[in-house]
Amino acid sequence: MKKYLFYLIFFLLPVLNRADTEKLHPAIEVKTDIYSDLKLAEYGLSNEVFQLALKGYNKLESAGQLEHPGIITIVDFSQSSKNKRMYVIDFKEHKLLFNTLVAHGRNTGEEFAKNFSNELGTLKSSLGFYITKNQVMGNKVGLSLIIRGVEKGFNDNAINRQIIMHGADYATEEFIKKNGRLGRSYGCPSLPPDLIKPVIETIEKGTCLFIFNPDSNYLHNSALLN
């Protein structure tokens, strides 16, 4: 009888382990399916960028750093500024909530974002993962969202640099029609004025923001991607 039980347990063990693994990681599998389910490729977001965003998001979520997990905002600065290159994705509701224009920093590039910095006064965008904080009312830019960079050396100086998400007239289709590209900020991810309020109310207070560009220094040295 004991020998029979031993063989029964031996053959069932891999099945039990596989079941435990499936219980531990259902959220990751669901998130991965979202890319194809929401047809994000048709909106211009590559699967490679989505997977990188998901990798960092999962690390932040596992570390308990996201007060409101379930939503991720991806800004893909590998795309032209004429594209709607910001994506707000709801993992829980399985929805693409927003797909909109977003400006990069003045000294980061013209139509395309090429140069990035974490230094004060550079007027450049900063790459990497951020955690959203609370909304504020700025004297010059109006309703804004504070974003805290969590990657040392890449964006952890964002609050000191006053890098925030805000609305701007140069981040509109009208500006593109007149100038051939989107306008540029002082380093902030700036949105169309009519979308800043609903976007901020959706992603504020502890959600994940990922600003991407295939910058080799960032890709090789990001602690959240390696």
Protein backbone atom coordinates (compact mmCIF):
# COMPACT_ATOMS: atom_id res chain seq x y z
CA MET A 1 0.00 0.00 0.00
CA LYS A 2 2.82 2.42 0.91
CA LYS A 3 4.59 1.63 -2.34
CA TYR A 4 1.39 2.34 -4.28
CA LEU A 5 0.96 5.71 -2.55
CA PHE A 6 4.58 6.60 -3.30
CA TYR A 7 4.12 6.02 -7.04
CA LEU A 8 0.79 7.88 -7.03
CA ILE A 9 2.39 10.94 -5.42
CA PHE A 10 5.42 10.69 -7.74
CA PHE A 11 3.26 10.84 -10.86
CA LEU A 12 0.87 13.48 -9.52
CA LEU A 13 3.61 15.85 -8.28
CA PRO A 14 4.34 17.47 -11.69
CA VAL A 15 0.60 18.02 -12.19
CA LEU A 16 0.23 19.61 -8.76
CA ASN A 17 3.25 21.83 -9.34
CA ARG A 18 1.90 22.92 -12.70
CA ALA A 19 -1.46 23.75 -11.09
CA ASP A 20 0.26 25.85 -8.42
CA THR A 21 2.21 27.71 -11.09
CA GLU A 22 -0.95 28.48 -12.99
CA LYS A 23 -2.53 29.86 -9.82
CA LEU A 24 0.47 32.07 -9.12
CA HIS A 25 0.70 33.68 -12.56
CA PRO A 26 -2.79 34.06 -14.09
CA ALA A 27 -2.55 37.86 -14.17
CA ILE A 28 0.64 37.83 -16.25
CA GLU A 29 -0.93 35.50 -18.81
CA VAL A 30 -4.05 37.65 -19.06
CA LYS A 31 -1.95 40.81 -19.51
CA THR A 32 0.05 39.16 -22.27
CA ASP A 33 -3.16 38.22 -24.11
CA ILE A 34 -4.30 41.85 -24.02
CA TYR A 35 -1.83 42.83 -26.74
CA SER A 36 -3.53 40.68 -29.35
CA ASP A 37 -7.04 40.98 -27.90
CA LEU A 38 -6.98 44.77 -28.06
CA LYS A 39 -5.20 44.73 -31.45
CA LEU A 40 -2.57 47.13 -30.13
CA ALA A 41 -0.42 46.59 -33.22
CA GLU A 42 -3.11 48.33 -35.25
CA TYR A 43 -2.68 51.37 -32.99
CA GLY A 44 1.06 51.45 -33.65
CA LEU A 45 2.32 49.83 -30.44
CA SER A 46 4.81 47.03 -31.11
CA ASN A 47 4.70 43.83 -29.12
CA GLU A 48 8.37 44.32 -28.18
CA VAL A 49 7.60 47.64 -26.47
CA PHE A 50 4.51 46.18 -24.81
CA GLN A 51 6.49 43.25 -23.40
CA LEU A 52 9.17 45.58 -22.00
CA ALA A 53 6.46 47.69 -20.36
CA LEU A 54 4.88 44.55 -18.93
CA LYS A 55 8.21 43.35 -17.55
CA GLY A 56 8.81 46.53 -15.56
CA TYR A 57 5.17 46.76 -14.52
CA ASN A 58 5.25 43.23 -13.09
CA LYS A 59 8.36 44.02 -11.05
CA LEU A 60 6.82 47.18 -9.62
CA GLU A 61 3.56 45.37 -8.87
CA SER A 62 5.35 42.44 -7.21
CA ALA A 63 7.33 44.88 -5.06
CA GLY A 64 4.09 46.51 -3.91
CA GLN A 65 5.05 49.89 -5.35
CA LEU A 66 1.83 50.44 -7.28
CA GLU A 67 -0.97 51.82 -5.13
CA HIS A 68 -3.42 51.25 -7.96
CA PRO A 69 -2.25 48.33 -10.12
CA GLY A 70 -4.26 47.27 -13.14
CA ILE A 71 -3.56 50.28 -15.34
CA ILE A 72 -0.43 51.01 -17.34
CA THR A 73 0.41 54.04 -19.46
CA ILE A 74 2.93 53.50 -22.25
CA VAL A 75 4.57 56.40 -24.08
CA ASP A 76 6.42 55.11 -27.14
CA PHE A 77 8.99 57.74 -28.09
CA SER A 78 10.35 55.54 -30.86
CA GLN A 79 7.42 56.75 -32.97
CA SER A 80 6.99 60.02 -34.84
CA SER A 81 5.48 62.84 -32.79
CA LYS A 82 2.72 62.94 -35.43
CA ASN A 83 1.50 59.57 -34.17
CA LYS A 84 -0.81 58.91 -31.26
CA ARG A 85 1.99 57.29 -29.31
CA MET A 86 0.57 57.21 -25.78
CA TYR A 87 -1.52 54.24 -24.67
CA VAL A 88 -3.48 53.86 -21.43
CA ILE A 89 -4.38 50.20 -20.93
CA ASP A 90 -6.70 48.75 -18.30
CA PHE A 91 -5.66 45.16 -17.51
CA LYS A 92 -8.68 44.48 -15.31
CA GLU A 93 -11.31 45.74 -17.74
CA HIS A 94 -9.38 44.55 -20.78
CA LYS A 95 -9.63 47.92 -22.51
CA LEU A 96 -7.53 50.50 -24.31
CA LEU A 97 -8.76 53.55 -22.45
CA PHE A 98 -6.81 56.25 -24.30
CA ASN A 99 -4.62 56.46 -27.39
CA THR A 100 -3.42 60.00 -27.84
CA LEU A 101 -0.72 62.41 -28.97
CA VAL A 102 2.06 63.20 -26.50
CA ALA A 103 4.91 65.68 -26.85
CA HIS A 104 8.57 65.17 -25.98
CA GLY A 105 11.17 67.65 -24.74
CA ARG A 106 12.48 70.56 -26.81
CA ASN A 107 16.07 69.33 -26.79
CA THR A 108 15.11 65.70 -27.19
CA GLY A 109 14.45 66.08 -30.91
CA GLU A 110 12.13 67.57 -33.51
CA GLU A 111 9.71 65.10 -35.10
CA PHE A 112 11.48 62.16 -33.48
CA ALA A 113 12.76 61.84 -29.91
CA LYS A 114 16.48 61.05 -29.92
CA ASN A 115 18.25 62.56 -26.91
CA PHE A 116 17.33 62.02 -23.26
CA SER A 117 18.52 63.30 -19.92
CA ASN A 118 17.88 63.17 -16.20
CA GLU A 119 19.62 66.50 -15.58
CA LEU A 120 18.11 69.80 -14.53
CA GLY A 121 17.91 72.48 -17.24
CA THR A 122 18.39 70.18 -20.23
CA LEU A 123 14.80 70.51 -21.51
CA LYS A 124 14.99 66.84 -22.46
CA SER A 125 12.62 63.96 -21.82
CA SER A 126 13.62 61.16 -19.44
CA LEU A 127 13.15 57.47 -20.18
CA GLY A 128 11.95 54.67 -17.95
CA PHE A 129 9.31 53.74 -15.42
CA TYR A 130 7.41 56.24 -13.31
CA ILE A 131 4.71 55.99 -10.66
CA THR A 132 1.97 58.59 -10.88
CA LYS A 133 1.27 60.80 -7.88
CA ASN A 134 -1.45 63.38 -7.27
CA GLN A 135 -2.84 66.06 -9.55
CA VAL A 136 -1.98 69.73 -9.05
CA MET A 137 -3.04 73.05 -10.56
CA GLY A 138 -0.03 74.79 -12.11
CA ASN A 139 0.12 78.55 -12.54
CA LYS A 140 1.27 78.32 -16.16
CA VAL A 141 0.08 74.94 -17.45
CA GLY A 142 -3.11 74.37 -15.47
CA LEU A 143 -4.19 70.92 -14.35
CA SER A 144 -1.14 68.65 -14.14
CA LEU A 145 -0.07 65.26 -12.84
CA ILE A 146 3.05 64.76 -10.72
CA ILE A 147 5.05 61.73 -11.87
CA ARG A 148 7.84 60.14 -9.80
CA GLY A 149 10.68 58.53 -11.71
CA VAL A 150 11.80 55.28 -10.10
CA GLU A 151 14.87 54.49 -12.21
CA LYS A 152 18.10 55.81 -10.74
CA GLY A 153 20.17 57.77 -13.21
CA PHE A 154 17.45 57.81 -15.84
CA ASN A 155 14.43 59.61 -14.38
CA ASP A 156 14.74 59.77 -10.59
CA ASN A 157 15.32 63.52 -10.85
CA ALA A 158 11.90 64.10 -12.46
CA ILE A 159 10.28 65.79 -9.46
CA ASN A 160 13.28 68.11 -8.95
CA ARG A 161 13.12 68.97 -12.66
CA GLN A 162 9.36 69.61 -12.36
CA ILE A 163 8.64 67.02 -15.04
CA ILE A 164 4.86 66.64 -14.99
CA MET A 165 2.09 65.53 -17.32
CA HIS A 166 0.03 68.52 -18.50
CA GLY A 167 -2.03 69.79 -21.39
CA ALA A 168 -0.56 71.97 -24.15
CA ASP A 169 -1.83 73.64 -27.33
CA TYR A 170 1.26 72.39 -29.17
CA ALA A 171 0.20 68.79 -28.52
CA THR A 172 -2.74 68.83 -30.95
CA GLU A 173 -3.66 67.74 -34.47
CA GLU A 174 -4.04 71.43 -35.39
CA PHE A 175 -0.41 72.10 -34.48
CA ILE A 176 0.73 69.16 -36.62
CA LYS A 177 -1.24 70.45 -39.62
CA LYS A 178 0.45 73.84 -39.36
CA ASN A 179 3.99 72.71 -38.48
CA GLY A 180 4.41 69.21 -39.86
CA ARG A 181 5.10 67.77 -36.40
CA LEU A 182 4.01 68.09 -32.79
CA GLY A 183 5.37 70.91 -30.66
CA ARG A 184 7.80 70.26 -27.82
CA SER A 185 7.82 70.71 -24.06
CA TYR A 186 10.48 71.50 -21.46
CA GLY A 187 10.82 67.76 -20.94
CA CYS A 188 7.26 66.95 -19.86
CA PRO A 189 4.99 64.42 -21.56
CA SER A 190 2.38 66.96 -22.70
CA LEU A 191 -1.08 65.98 -23.95
CA PRO A 192 -3.92 67.62 -25.90
CA PRO A 193 -5.71 70.06 -23.53
CA ASP A 194 -9.11 68.38 -23.93
CA LEU A 195 -7.72 65.03 -22.75
CA ILE A 196 -5.58 66.05 -19.79
CA LYS A 197 -8.42 65.98 -17.24
CA PRO A 198 -9.88 62.54 -18.12
CA VAL A 199 -6.41 61.02 -18.49
CA ILE A 200 -5.19 62.36 -15.15
CA GLU A 201 -8.35 61.23 -13.36
CA THR A 202 -7.81 57.75 -14.80
CA ILE A 203 -4.11 57.23 -14.06
CA GLU A 204 -3.39 59.35 -10.95
CA LYS A 205 -2.42 58.10 -7.48
CA GLY A 206 -0.17 55.12 -7.96
CA THR A 207 -0.35 53.69 -11.47
CA CYS A 208 2.56 52.76 -13.74
CA LEU A 209 3.88 55.00 -16.53
CA PHE A 210 6.54 53.77 -18.96
CA ILE A 211 8.34 56.13 -21.35
CA PHE A 212 10.21 54.14 -24.00
CA ASN A 213 12.83 54.69 -26.65
CA PRO A 214 15.32 52.11 -27.98
CA ASP A 215 18.18 53.99 -26.35
CA SER A 216 21.00 51.46 -25.90
CA ASN A 217 22.22 52.93 -22.61
CA TYR A 218 18.76 52.68 -21.10
CA LEU A 219 17.98 49.21 -22.47
CA HIS A 220 21.25 47.76 -21.18
CA ASN A 221 21.28 49.46 -17.78
CA SER A 222 17.66 49.73 -16.64
CA ALA A 223 17.29 47.78 -13.39
CA LEU A 224 13.65 47.06 -14.20
CA LEU A 225 14.39 45.62 -17.61
CA ASN A 226 17.49 43.57 -16.71
